[in-house]
Amino acid sequence: MPLLALLTTLLAALGSNAAILPRQSGCVTQSQPNPIAAQYPNVVTGTINGTFAVIPIPYAQARALVPPQFNILTKAYESLMPGLNGAYPVGVHSPLPFPFLFTPTFPSPNPPPTHTNIPHSPPQQLLLLSVLNHDFQSFGIRIPDFSRATLNLPFIDLLHDGHTSFRYQLGNALSSPLAYAGATIYGPPLPTLATFDPTCNAYVYTGGPNSETRYTGYEASSGKLIANTVFQNRPQGNPWSVEVFKNLTNQVIGNAVFCDQFVSFWNTSVTQGQYAPVSVQGKATIAQPLFPPGNQTFNGVWGYKADLAILERNAQSCAKYANYQGTGSGD
């Protein structure tokens, strides 16, 4: 049972209707409050504020990063992202599950891989998320804000049904030991404890006429750089629409044993008006253990700065999400 659920059960038994765990000391965030907590009081909700970017990589590299028992649904991503011209879209962003108190064992691959007869090699994409998890709560319980950088491989056929797209979590670096404990259920690969600059916001502005936003992550145990993103606002020229990111960020995350339904709302009060998503372009440097191939800098990366309300159901059976598609209805 998730630790959050255990806390909730204990509080309910004691007749308490609210509890707030301490937030990071000295940290003043600019993120807006969770807009859907009252609408979904008994489910984990919060906001993820930061940069969501797509990194196209060669299909062969993506294929080597995905466990061999899982196919990549090339037709799905070619249909959604026709401008890839042979690259696979890797997304930088991943939801952070809440803690679990056990480590699962994983069955041997079954059925056997069937990806060897792919007639062509379109590019694949990584989905990169560099975000601040803010105002996460359920049953009136709040957990401290924390930062994370996540690298996902979308359009993965975890169920072997040939059409339901899942995200495979390639790397997950986070600043919270509590969240780290929960993230282990979706490995391997296991998550990484990290420190981030800035510590309590989604990015920092560098200032000047061409103001950039920067976000940097370091492995906690060694201090080595594991992620650095530098983006500038680019209102014109983004090859990917917000609709593309709605699809990518709402694919269920999992490893075929346990899955995390991480619903990303792109239509709430924190994503509208003055808080509407902003198109950005820049570069991303990612390294081990976040990116297993090692240190690499990707230039000309497109994405969006956005603050999303999220709803999370973790430790779910992956099979229940066959044919799943969906986003939140907003607030």
C-alpha atoms as a PDB file:
ATOM      1  CA  MET A   1       0.000   0.000   0.000  1.00  0.00           C
ATOM      2  CA  PRO A   2       1.359   3.472  -0.796  1.00  0.00           C
ATOM      3  CA  LEU A   3       2.708   5.343   2.196  1.00  0.00           C
ATOM      4  CA  LEU A   4       0.328   8.205   1.395  1.00  0.00           C
ATOM      5  CA  ALA A   5      -2.601   5.792   1.619  1.00  0.00           C
ATOM      6  CA  LEU A   6      -1.306   4.479   4.934  1.00  0.00           C
ATOM      7  CA  LEU A   7      -1.091   8.009   6.317  1.00  0.00           C
ATOM      8  CA  THR A   8      -4.568   8.760   5.040  1.00  0.00           C
ATOM      9  CA  THR A   9      -6.000   5.659   6.709  1.00  0.00           C
ATOM     10  CA  LEU A  10      -4.368   6.506  10.029  1.00  0.00           C
ATOM     11  CA  LEU A  11      -5.606  10.086   9.954  1.00  0.00           C
ATOM     12  CA  ALA A  12      -9.132   8.976   9.132  1.00  0.00           C
ATOM     13  CA  ALA A  13      -9.056   6.550  12.048  1.00  0.00           C
ATOM     14  CA  LEU A  14      -7.965   9.366  14.338  1.00  0.00           C
ATOM     15  CA  GLY A  15     -10.761  11.610  13.113  1.00  0.00           C
ATOM     16  CA  SER A  16      -8.388  14.153  11.586  1.00  0.00           C
ATOM     17  CA  ASN A  17      -9.544  15.908   8.441  1.00  0.00           C
ATOM     18  CA  ALA A  18      -6.330  17.660   7.499  1.00  0.00           C
ATOM     19  CA  ALA A  19      -2.592  17.304   7.833  1.00  0.00           C
ATOM     20  CA  ILE A  20       0.259  19.198   6.257  1.00  0.00           C
ATOM     21  CA  LEU A  21       3.735  17.746   6.034  1.00  0.00           C
ATOM     22  CA  PRO A  22       6.492  20.383   6.217  1.00  0.00           C
ATOM     23  CA  ARG A  23       7.643  21.942   2.950  1.00  0.00           C
ATOM     24  CA  GLN A  24      11.244  22.578   1.957  1.00  0.00           C
ATOM     25  CA  SER A  25      12.838  24.972   4.432  1.00  0.00           C
ATOM     26  CA  GLY A  26      13.381  28.461   3.037  1.00  0.00           C
ATOM     27  CA  CYS A  27      11.820  27.596  -0.284  1.00  0.00           C
ATOM     28  CA  VAL A  28       9.399  30.105  -1.804  1.00  0.00           C
ATOM     29  CA  THR A  29       7.837  28.766  -4.996  1.00  0.00           C
ATOM     30  CA  GLN A  30       6.182  30.790  -7.728  1.00  0.00           C
ATOM     31  CA  SER A  31       3.895  27.892  -8.698  1.00  0.00           C
ATOM     32  CA  GLN A  32       0.146  28.397  -8.385  1.00  0.00           C
ATOM     33  CA  PRO A  33      -1.951  26.317  -5.949  1.00  0.00           C
ATOM     34  CA  ASN A  34      -3.382  22.964  -6.972  1.00  0.00           C
ATOM     35  CA  PRO A  35      -6.658  23.873  -8.761  1.00  0.00           C
ATOM     36  CA  ILE A  36      -8.323  20.443  -8.656  1.00  0.00           C
ATOM     37  CA  ALA A  37      -7.767  19.330  -5.050  1.00  0.00           C
ATOM     38  CA  ALA A  38     -11.337  20.169  -4.015  1.00  0.00           C
ATOM     39  CA  GLN A  39     -12.735  18.478  -7.121  1.00  0.00           C
ATOM     40  CA  TYR A  40     -10.837  15.225  -6.440  1.00  0.00           C
ATOM     41  CA  PRO A  41     -10.299  15.212  -2.652  1.00  0.00           C
ATOM     42  CA  ASN A  42      -9.734  11.470  -2.328  1.00  0.00           C
ATOM     43  CA  VAL A  43      -7.260  11.039  -5.182  1.00  0.00           C
ATOM     44  CA  VAL A  44      -3.637  12.188  -5.409  1.00  0.00           C
ATOM     45  CA  THR A  45      -3.537  15.539  -7.203  1.00  0.00           C
ATOM     46  CA  GLY A  46      -1.026  18.344  -7.599  1.00  0.00           C
ATOM     47  CA  THR A  47       0.719  20.438 -10.233  1.00  0.00           C
ATOM     48  CA  ILE A  48       3.846  19.890 -12.287  1.00  0.00           C
ATOM     49  CA  ASN A  49       5.390  23.165 -13.380  1.00  0.00           C
ATOM     50  CA  GLY A  50       8.292  23.241 -15.791  1.00  0.00           C
ATOM     51  CA  THR A  51       9.457  22.448 -19.314  1.00  0.00           C
ATOM     52  CA  PHE A  52       8.149  19.574 -21.419  1.00  0.00           C
ATOM     53  CA  ALA A  53      10.340  18.818 -24.432  1.00  0.00           C
ATOM     54  CA  VAL A  54      10.674  16.285 -27.228  1.00  0.00           C
ATOM     55  CA  ILE A  55      14.118  15.013 -28.228  1.00  0.00           C
ATOM     56  CA  PRO A  56      14.157  13.084 -31.528  1.00  0.00           C
ATOM     57  CA  ILE A  57      16.697  10.244 -31.567  1.00  0.00           C
ATOM     58  CA  PRO A  58      17.502   7.568 -34.177  1.00  0.00           C
ATOM     59  CA  TYR A  59      15.084   4.681 -34.108  1.00  0.00           C
ATOM     60  CA  ALA A  60      17.952   2.190 -33.693  1.00  0.00           C
ATOM     61  CA  GLN A  61      19.043   3.956 -30.511  1.00  0.00           C
ATOM     62  CA  ALA A  62      15.504   3.955 -29.156  1.00  0.00           C
ATOM     63  CA  ARG A  63      15.150   0.273 -29.967  1.00  0.00           C
ATOM     64  CA  ALA A  64      18.313  -0.474 -27.997  1.00  0.00           C
ATOM     65  CA  LEU A  65      16.980   1.428 -24.975  1.00  0.00           C
ATOM     66  CA  VAL A  66      13.606  -0.345 -24.818  1.00  0.00           C
ATOM     67  CA  PRO A  67      13.520  -3.835 -23.265  1.00  0.00           C
ATOM     68  CA  PRO A  68      13.448  -6.350 -26.151  1.00  0.00           C
ATOM     69  CA  GLN A  69      10.094  -7.859 -25.150  1.00  0.00           C
ATOM     70  CA  PHE A  70       8.297  -4.573 -25.915  1.00  0.00           C
ATOM     71  CA  ASN A  71       7.577  -3.277 -29.397  1.00  0.00           C
ATOM     72  CA  ILE A  72       7.585   0.399 -30.369  1.00  0.00           C
ATOM     73  CA  LEU A  73       4.328   1.502 -31.989  1.00  0.00           C
ATOM     74  CA  THR A  74       5.878   3.324 -34.932  1.00  0.00           C
ATOM     75  CA  LYS A  75       2.589   3.903 -36.758  1.00  0.00           C
ATOM     76  CA  ALA A  76       1.163   5.647 -33.689  1.00  0.00           C
ATOM     77  CA  TYR A  77       3.931   8.205 -33.389  1.00  0.00           C
ATOM     78  CA  GLU A  78       4.321   8.698 -37.134  1.00  0.00           C
ATOM     79  CA  SER A  79       0.612   9.542 -37.285  1.00  0.00           C
ATOM     80  CA  LEU A  80       0.819  11.997 -34.372  1.00  0.00           C
ATOM     81  CA  MET A  81       4.219  13.489 -35.275  1.00  0.00           C
ATOM     82  CA  PRO A  82       4.701  13.270 -39.051  1.00  0.00           C
ATOM     83  CA  GLY A  83       7.603  15.751 -39.042  1.00  0.00           C
ATOM     84  CA  LEU A  84      10.095  13.445 -37.329  1.00  0.00           C
ATOM     85  CA  ASN A  85      11.722  12.326 -40.619  1.00  0.00           C
ATOM     86  CA  GLY A  86      13.067   9.074 -39.250  1.00  0.00           C
ATOM     87  CA  ALA A  87      13.718  10.011 -35.605  1.00  0.00           C
ATOM     88  CA  TYR A  88      12.065   8.684 -32.461  1.00  0.00           C
ATOM     89  CA  PRO A  89      10.623  11.303 -30.080  1.00  0.00           C
ATOM     90  CA  VAL A  90      12.035  10.971 -26.579  1.00  0.00           C
ATOM     91  CA  GLY A  91      10.060  12.917 -24.021  1.00  0.00           C
ATOM     92  CA  VAL A  92      11.579  14.662 -21.123  1.00  0.00           C
ATOM     93  CA  HIS A  93       9.091  14.503 -18.297  1.00  0.00           C
ATOM     94  CA  SER A  94       7.821  11.776 -16.043  1.00  0.00           C
ATOM     95  CA  PRO A  95       5.308  11.555 -13.312  1.00  0.00           C
ATOM     96  CA  LEU A  96       6.550  10.807  -9.853  1.00  0.00           C
ATOM     97  CA  PRO A  97       4.787   7.977  -8.088  1.00  0.00           C
ATOM     98  CA  PHE A  98       4.237   8.129  -4.352  1.00  0.00           C
ATOM     99  CA  PRO A  99       6.183   5.789  -2.092  1.00  0.00           C
ATOM    100  CA  PHE A 100       5.656   2.091  -1.779  1.00  0.00           C
ATOM    101  CA  LEU A 101       7.098  -0.081   0.937  1.00  0.00           C
ATOM    102  CA  PHE A 102       8.225  -3.033  -1.149  1.00  0.00           C
ATOM    103  CA  THR A 103      10.276  -3.867  -4.226  1.00  0.00           C
ATOM    104  CA  PRO A 104       8.521  -6.027  -6.829  1.00  0.00           C
ATOM    105  CA  THR A 105      10.008  -8.927  -8.726  1.00  0.00           C
ATOM    106  CA  PHE A 106       9.518  -9.057 -12.456  1.00  0.00           C
ATOM    107  CA  PRO A 107       8.489 -12.041 -14.571  1.00  0.00           C
ATOM    108  CA  SER A 108      10.572 -13.243 -17.484  1.00  0.00           C
ATOM    109  CA  PRO A 109       9.721 -11.606 -20.834  1.00  0.00           C
ATOM    110  CA  ASN A 110       6.602 -13.060 -22.393  1.00  0.00           C
ATOM    111  CA  PRO A 111       5.606 -13.128 -25.206  1.00  0.00           C
ATOM    112  CA  PRO A 112       8.906 -13.120 -27.117  1.00  0.00           C
ATOM    113  CA  PRO A 113       9.931  -9.980 -29.024  1.00  0.00           C
ATOM    114  CA  THR A 114       8.462  -9.401 -32.455  1.00  0.00           C
ATOM    115  CA  HIS A 115      10.153  -6.136 -33.365  1.00  0.00           C
ATOM    116  CA  THR A 116      12.733  -7.570 -35.743  1.00  0.00           C
ATOM    117  CA  ASN A 117      10.610  -7.237 -38.885  1.00  0.00           C
ATOM    118  CA  ILE A 118      10.166  -3.448 -38.884  1.00  0.00           C
ATOM    119  CA  PRO A 119      10.110  -2.459 -42.588  1.00  0.00           C
ATOM    120  CA  HIS A 120      11.703   0.967 -42.033  1.00  0.00           C
ATOM    121  CA  SER A 121      13.376   2.939 -39.279  1.00  0.00           C
ATOM    122  CA  PRO A 122      11.587   6.207 -38.567  1.00  0.00           C
ATOM    123  CA  PRO A 123      13.053   8.390 -35.828  1.00  0.00           C
ATOM    124  CA  GLN A 124      11.732   7.946 -32.319  1.00  0.00           C
ATOM    125  CA  GLN A 125      11.333  10.569 -29.601  1.00  0.00           C
ATOM    126  CA  LEU A 126      12.333  11.008 -25.997  1.00  0.00           C
ATOM    127  CA  LEU A 127       9.970  12.942 -23.752  1.00  0.00           C
ATOM    128  CA  LEU A 128      11.925  15.049 -21.254  1.00  0.00           C
ATOM    129  CA  LEU A 129      10.266  16.658 -18.256  1.00  0.00           C
ATOM    130  CA  SER A 130      12.160  19.029 -15.982  1.00  0.00           C
ATOM    131  CA  VAL A 131       9.559  20.056 -13.438  1.00  0.00           C
ATOM    132  CA  LEU A 132       8.624  21.023  -9.904  1.00  0.00           C
ATOM    133  CA  ASN A 133       6.006  18.794  -8.271  1.00  0.00           C
ATOM    134  CA  HIS A 134       3.914  21.254  -6.266  1.00  0.00           C
ATOM    135  CA  ASP A 135       1.033  21.096  -3.786  1.00  0.00           C
ATOM    136  CA  PHE A 136       0.559  17.315  -4.023  1.00  0.00           C
ATOM    137  CA  GLN A 137      -2.209  16.146  -1.731  1.00  0.00           C
ATOM    138  CA  SER A 138      -4.965  13.646  -1.044  1.00  0.00           C
ATOM    139  CA  PHE A 139      -7.478  13.388   1.821  1.00  0.00           C
ATOM    140  CA  GLY A 140      -6.122  16.729   3.045  1.00  0.00           C
ATOM    141  CA  ILE A 141      -2.585  15.379   3.376  1.00  0.00           C
ATOM    142  CA  ARG A 142       0.107  17.390   1.605  1.00  0.00           C
ATOM    143  CA  ILE A 143       3.660  16.311   0.897  1.00  0.00           C
ATOM    144  CA  PRO A 144       6.616  18.688   0.469  1.00  0.00           C
ATOM    145  CA  ASP A 145       7.296  20.032  -3.005  1.00  0.00           C
ATOM    146  CA  PHE A 146      10.140  18.374  -4.882  1.00  0.00           C
ATOM    147  CA  SER A 147      11.996  18.719  -8.167  1.00  0.00           C
ATOM    148  CA  ARG A 148      12.596  16.089 -10.799  1.00  0.00           C
ATOM    149  CA  ALA A 149      13.861  15.438 -14.290  1.00  0.00           C
ATOM    150  CA  THR A 150      12.339  12.505 -16.141  1.00  0.00           C
ATOM    151  CA  LEU A 151      13.111  10.872 -19.446  1.00  0.00           C
ATOM    152  CA  ASN A 152      10.359   8.762 -21.065  1.00  0.00           C
ATOM    153  CA  LEU A 153      10.124   6.674 -24.192  1.00  0.00           C
ATOM    154  CA  PRO A 154       6.510   6.977 -25.398  1.00  0.00           C
ATOM    155  CA  PHE A 155       4.513   4.736 -27.757  1.00  0.00           C
ATOM    156  CA  ILE A 156       5.654   1.487 -26.143  1.00  0.00           C
ATOM    157  CA  ASP A 157       3.488  -1.626 -26.557  1.00  0.00           C
ATOM    158  CA  LEU A 158       3.585  -2.936 -22.975  1.00  0.00           C
ATOM    159  CA  LEU A 159       0.458  -5.070 -23.440  1.00  0.00           C
ATOM    160  CA  HIS A 160       1.454  -6.623 -26.772  1.00  0.00           C
ATOM    161  CA  ASP A 161      -1.916  -5.574 -28.217  1.00  0.00           C
ATOM    162  CA  GLY A 162      -0.441  -3.627 -31.115  1.00  0.00           C
ATOM    163  CA  HIS A 163      -2.133  -0.297 -30.418  1.00  0.00           C
ATOM    164  CA  THR A 164      -2.204   0.897 -26.781  1.00  0.00           C
ATOM    165  CA  SER A 165       0.649   3.370 -26.209  1.00  0.00           C
ATOM    166  CA  PHE A 166       2.465   3.456 -22.863  1.00  0.00           C
ATOM    167  CA  ARG A 167       5.465   5.406 -21.647  1.00  0.00           C
ATOM    168  CA  TYR A 168       8.546   3.459 -20.586  1.00  0.00           C
ATOM    169  CA  GLN A 169      10.489   5.369 -17.943  1.00  0.00           C
ATOM    170  CA  LEU A 170      14.097   5.476 -19.076  1.00  0.00           C
ATOM    171  CA  GLY A 171      15.388   7.677 -16.271  1.00  0.00           C
ATOM    172  CA  ASN A 172      13.900   9.454 -13.281  1.00  0.00           C
ATOM    173  CA  ALA A 173      15.890  11.841 -11.075  1.00  0.00           C
ATOM    174  CA  LEU A 174      14.161  13.449  -8.103  1.00  0.00           C
ATOM    175  CA  SER A 175      14.994  15.448  -5.014  1.00  0.00           C
ATOM    176  CA  SER A 176      12.612  13.761  -2.556  1.00  0.00           C
ATOM    177  CA  PRO A 177      13.597  10.552  -0.720  1.00  0.00           C
ATOM    178  CA  LEU A 178       9.877   9.982  -0.136  1.00  0.00           C
ATOM    179  CA  ALA A 179       9.120  10.128  -3.867  1.00  0.00           C
ATOM    180  CA  TYR A 180      12.261   8.100  -4.609  1.00  0.00           C
ATOM    181  CA  ALA A 181      10.932   5.228  -2.505  1.00  0.00           C
ATOM    182  CA  GLY A 182       7.686   5.235  -4.447  1.00  0.00           C
ATOM    183  CA  ALA A 183       9.363   5.432  -7.843  1.00  0.00           C
ATOM    184  CA  THR A 184      11.218   2.145  -7.333  1.00  0.00           C
ATOM    185  CA  ILE A 185       8.056   0.175  -8.037  1.00  0.00           C
ATOM    186  CA  TYR A 186       8.206   1.171 -11.695  1.00  0.00           C
ATOM    187  CA  GLY A 187      11.792   0.015 -12.222  1.00  0.00           C
ATOM    188  CA  PRO A 188      14.059  -1.223 -13.464  1.00  0.00           C
ATOM    189  CA  PRO A 189      15.713   1.109 -14.181  1.00  0.00           C
ATOM    190  CA  LEU A 190      15.678   2.473 -10.656  1.00  0.00           C
ATOM    191  CA  PRO A 191      15.259   6.197  -9.966  1.00  0.00           C
ATOM    192  CA  THR A 192      18.070   8.517  -8.897  1.00  0.00           C
ATOM    193  CA  LEU A 193      18.211  10.882  -5.930  1.00  0.00           C
ATOM    194  CA  ALA A 194      19.258  14.305  -7.155  1.00  0.00           C
ATOM    195  CA  THR A 195      19.637  17.956  -6.248  1.00  0.00           C
ATOM    196  CA  PHE A 196      18.395  20.741  -8.498  1.00  0.00           C
ATOM    197  CA  ASP A 197      19.057  24.391  -9.225  1.00  0.00           C
ATOM    198  CA  PRO A 198      16.752  26.157  -8.606  1.00  0.00           C
ATOM    199  CA  THR A 199      15.606  24.165  -5.598  1.00  0.00           C
ATOM    200  CA  CYS A 200      11.963  25.128  -5.422  1.00  0.00           C
ATOM    201  CA  ASN A 201      10.958  26.463  -8.825  1.00  0.00           C
ATOM    202  CA  ALA A 202      10.627  24.982 -12.276  1.00  0.00           C
ATOM    203  CA  TYR A 203      13.436  27.062 -13.795  1.00  0.00           C
ATOM    204  CA  VAL A 204      15.396  30.270 -13.282  1.00  0.00           C
ATOM    205  CA  TYR A 205      15.575  33.247 -15.653  1.00  0.00           C
ATOM    206  CA  THR A 206      19.032  34.384 -16.706  1.00  0.00           C
ATOM    207  CA  GLY A 207      17.903  37.933 -17.569  1.00  0.00           C
ATOM    208  CA  GLY A 208      19.000  40.133 -20.440  1.00  0.00           C
ATOM    209  CA  PRO A 209      17.366  40.880 -23.820  1.00  0.00           C
ATOM    210  CA  ASN A 210      17.332  37.198 -24.798  1.00  0.00           C
ATOM    211  CA  SER A 211      16.321  35.890 -21.415  1.00  0.00           C
ATOM    212  CA  GLU A 212      16.746  32.144 -21.058  1.00  0.00           C
ATOM    213  CA  THR A 213      15.381  29.700 -18.546  1.00  0.00           C
ATOM    214  CA  ARG A 214      17.770  27.203 -17.010  1.00  0.00           C
ATOM    215  CA  TYR A 215      17.242  24.070 -14.936  1.00  0.00           C
ATOM    216  CA  THR A 216      20.082  21.873 -13.717  1.00  0.00           C
ATOM    217  CA  GLY A 217      20.163  18.535 -11.910  1.00  0.00           C
ATOM    218  CA  TYR A 218      23.028  16.773 -10.121  1.00  0.00           C
ATOM    219  CA  GLU A 219      23.296  13.223  -8.822  1.00  0.00           C
ATOM    220  CA  ALA A 220      23.047  13.503  -5.030  1.00  0.00           C
ATOM    221  CA  SER A 221      25.634  10.817  -4.260  1.00  0.00           C
ATOM    222  CA  SER A 222      28.388  12.063  -6.590  1.00  0.00           C
ATOM    223  CA  GLY A 223      27.494  15.661  -7.417  1.00  0.00           C
ATOM    224  CA  LYS A 224      27.949  15.014 -11.125  1.00  0.00           C
ATOM    225  CA  LEU A 225      25.752  16.720 -13.702  1.00  0.00           C
ATOM    226  CA  ILE A 226      22.878  14.563 -14.935  1.00  0.00           C
ATOM    227  CA  ALA A 227      20.634  17.123 -16.652  1.00  0.00           C
ATOM    228  CA  ASN A 228      20.847  20.703 -17.829  1.00  0.00           C
ATOM    229  CA  THR A 229      18.268  22.495 -19.950  1.00  0.00           C
ATOM    230  CA  VAL A 230      18.492  25.982 -21.448  1.00  0.00           C
ATOM    231  CA  PHE A 231      15.427  27.315 -23.300  1.00  0.00           C
ATOM    232  CA  GLN A 232      14.267  30.568 -24.883  1.00  0.00           C
ATOM    233  CA  ASN A 233      10.703  31.560 -25.724  1.00  0.00           C
ATOM    234  CA  ARG A 234       9.956  30.864 -29.386  1.00  0.00           C
ATOM    235  CA  PRO A 235       6.342  31.743 -30.239  1.00  0.00           C
ATOM    236  CA  GLN A 236       6.843  30.756 -33.892  1.00  0.00           C
ATOM    237  CA  GLY A 237       8.178  27.625 -35.545  1.00  0.00           C
ATOM    238  CA  ASN A 238       7.383  24.914 -33.005  1.00  0.00           C
ATOM    239  CA  PRO A 239       6.832  21.706 -35.022  1.00  0.00           C
ATOM    240  CA  TRP A 240       4.838  20.158 -32.168  1.00  0.00           C
ATOM    241  CA  SER A 241       1.437  21.432 -31.121  1.00  0.00           C
ATOM    242  CA  VAL A 242       0.104  21.413 -27.578  1.00  0.00           C
ATOM    243  CA  GLU A 243      -2.098  18.512 -28.733  1.00  0.00           C
ATOM    244  CA  VAL A 244       1.043  16.409 -29.250  1.00  0.00           C
ATOM    245  CA  PHE A 245       2.110  17.011 -25.656  1.00  0.00           C
ATOM    246  CA  LYS A 246      -1.377  16.284 -24.381  1.00  0.00           C
ATOM    247  CA  ASN A 247      -1.023  12.852 -25.961  1.00  0.00           C
ATOM    248  CA  LEU A 248       2.511  12.209 -24.739  1.00  0.00           C
ATOM    249  CA  THR A 249       1.963  13.326 -21.145  1.00  0.00           C
ATOM    250  CA  ASN A 250      -1.232  11.297 -20.797  1.00  0.00           C
ATOM    251  CA  GLN A 251       0.181   7.963 -21.878  1.00  0.00           C
ATOM    252  CA  VAL A 252       0.202   5.648 -18.859  1.00  0.00           C
ATOM    253  CA  ILE A 253       3.648   4.936 -17.401  1.00  0.00           C
ATOM    254  CA  GLY A 254       4.613   1.396 -16.537  1.00  0.00           C
ATOM    255  CA  ASN A 255       6.736  -1.708 -16.872  1.00  0.00           C
ATOM    256  CA  ALA A 256       3.939  -4.219 -17.688  1.00  0.00           C
ATOM    257  CA  VAL A 257       3.769  -5.291 -14.029  1.00  0.00           C
ATOM    258  CA  PHE A 258       2.714  -2.039 -12.369  1.00  0.00           C
ATOM    259  CA  CYS A 259       1.413   1.065 -14.075  1.00  0.00           C
ATOM    260  CA  ASP A 260       0.935   4.681 -13.043  1.00  0.00           C
ATOM    261  CA  GLN A 261      -2.027   6.530 -14.507  1.00  0.00           C
ATOM    262  CA  PHE A 262      -0.748  10.084 -14.516  1.00  0.00           C
ATOM    263  CA  VAL A 263      -3.504  12.286 -15.907  1.00  0.00           C
ATOM    264  CA  SER A 264      -2.118  15.625 -17.112  1.00  0.00           C
ATOM    265  CA  PHE A 265      -4.709  18.403 -17.357  1.00  0.00           C
ATOM    266  CA  TRP A 266      -3.927  20.986 -20.049  1.00  0.00           C
ATOM    267  CA  ASN A 267      -7.208  22.874 -19.527  1.00  0.00           C
ATOM    268  CA  THR A 268      -7.321  24.163 -15.945  1.00  0.00           C
ATOM    269  CA  SER A 269      -6.926  27.651 -14.502  1.00  0.00           C
ATOM    270  CA  VAL A 270      -3.142  27.174 -14.134  1.00  0.00           C
ATOM    271  CA  THR A 271      -2.797  26.523 -17.874  1.00  0.00           C
ATOM    272  CA  GLN A 272      -4.955  29.355 -19.198  1.00  0.00           C
ATOM    273  CA  GLY A 273      -4.750  33.122 -19.688  1.00  0.00           C
ATOM    274  CA  GLN A 274      -1.484  34.502 -18.354  1.00  0.00           C
ATOM    275  CA  TYR A 275      -0.458  30.929 -17.471  1.00  0.00           C
ATOM    276  CA  ALA A 276      -1.018  29.486 -20.957  1.00  0.00           C
ATOM    277  CA  PRO A 277       1.718  27.137 -22.279  1.00  0.00           C
ATOM    278  CA  VAL A 278       4.663  28.987 -23.865  1.00  0.00           C
ATOM    279  CA  SER A 279       6.502  27.552 -26.868  1.00  0.00           C
ATOM    280  CA  VAL A 280      10.253  27.237 -26.272  1.00  0.00           C
ATOM    281  CA  GLN A 281      13.368  26.076 -28.078  1.00  0.00           C
ATOM    282  CA  GLY A 282      16.801  25.340 -26.702  1.00  0.00           C
ATOM    283  CA  LYS A 283      19.217  22.623 -25.761  1.00  0.00           C
ATOM    284  CA  ALA A 284      19.236  19.753 -23.314  1.00  0.00           C
ATOM    285  CA  THR A 285      22.253  17.965 -21.889  1.00  0.00           C
ATOM    286  CA  ILE A 286      21.461  14.607 -20.309  1.00  0.00           C
ATOM    287  CA  ALA A 287      23.830  12.077 -18.797  1.00  0.00           C
ATOM    288  CA  GLN A 288      23.917   8.816 -16.850  1.00  0.00           C
ATOM    289  CA  PRO A 289      22.038   7.585 -14.932  1.00  0.00           C
ATOM    290  CA  LEU A 290      19.184   9.627 -16.411  1.00  0.00           C
ATOM    291  CA  PHE A 291      20.297   8.776 -19.959  1.00  0.00           C
ATOM    292  CA  PRO A 292      22.023   5.339 -20.091  1.00  0.00           C
ATOM    293  CA  PRO A 293      24.079   5.986 -23.277  1.00  0.00           C
ATOM    294  CA  GLY A 294      25.951   8.742 -21.430  1.00  0.00           C
ATOM    295  CA  ASN A 295      26.519  12.471 -21.637  1.00  0.00           C
ATOM    296  CA  GLN A 296      24.985  14.006 -24.749  1.00  0.00           C
ATOM    297  CA  THR A 297      23.805  17.488 -25.699  1.00  0.00           C
ATOM    298  CA  PHE A 298      20.819  17.900 -27.997  1.00  0.00           C
ATOM    299  CA  ASN A 299      20.430  21.260 -29.754  1.00  0.00           C
ATOM    300  CA  GLY A 300      17.330  22.730 -31.374  1.00  0.00           C
ATOM    301  CA  VAL A 301      14.999  20.968 -28.940  1.00  0.00           C
ATOM    302  CA  TRP A 302      11.377  22.160 -28.984  1.00  0.00           C
ATOM    303  CA  GLY A 303       8.845  22.046 -26.206  1.00  0.00           C
ATOM    304  CA  TYR A 304       6.578  24.061 -23.925  1.00  0.00           C
ATOM    305  CA  LYS A 305       6.837  25.723 -20.564  1.00  0.00           C
ATOM    306  CA  ALA A 306       3.624  24.909 -18.744  1.00  0.00           C
ATOM    307  CA  ASP A 307       2.077  24.349 -15.341  1.00  0.00           C
ATOM    308  CA  LEU A 308      -0.203  21.307 -15.403  1.00  0.00           C
ATOM    309  CA  ALA A 309      -2.669  20.072 -12.832  1.00  0.00           C
ATOM    310  CA  ILE A 310      -2.307  16.308 -12.475  1.00  0.00           C
ATOM    311  CA  LEU A 311      -4.240  13.409 -11.024  1.00  0.00           C
ATOM    312  CA  GLU A 312      -2.454  10.166 -10.201  1.00  0.00           C
ATOM    313  CA  ARG A 313      -3.487   6.577  -9.594  1.00  0.00           C
ATOM    314  CA  ASN A 314      -0.455   4.432  -8.916  1.00  0.00           C
ATOM    315  CA  ALA A 315       0.369   0.733  -8.545  1.00  0.00           C
ATOM    316  CA  GLN A 316      -2.351  -0.152 -11.023  1.00  0.00           C
ATOM    317  CA  SER A 317      -2.597  -3.261 -13.153  1.00  0.00           C
ATOM    318  CA  CYS A 318      -1.336  -2.333 -16.614  1.00  0.00           C
ATOM    319  CA  ALA A 319      -3.929  -4.598 -18.243  1.00  0.00           C
ATOM    320  CA  LYS A 320      -6.772  -2.307 -17.144  1.00  0.00           C
ATOM    321  CA  TYR A 321      -5.442   0.399 -19.458  1.00  0.00           C
ATOM    322  CA  ALA A 322      -5.866  -1.523 -22.709  1.00  0.00           C
ATOM    323  CA  ASN A 323      -7.270   0.922 -25.289  1.00  0.00           C
ATOM    324  CA  TYR A 324      -6.868   3.787 -22.778  1.00  0.00           C
ATOM    325  CA  GLN A 325      -6.937   7.341 -24.085  1.00  0.00           C
ATOM    326  CA  GLY A 326      -7.825  10.395 -22.126  1.00  0.00           C
ATOM    327  CA  THR A 327      -7.055  13.659 -20.449  1.00  0.00           C
ATOM    328  CA  GLY A 328      -8.636  15.499 -17.573  1.00  0.00           C
ATOM    329  CA  SER A 329     -11.795  17.598 -17.856  1.00  0.00           C
ATOM    330  CA  GLY A 330     -10.287  20.651 -16.153  1.00  0.00           C
ATOM    331  CA  ASP A 331     -11.608  22.627 -13.236  1.00  0.00           C
END
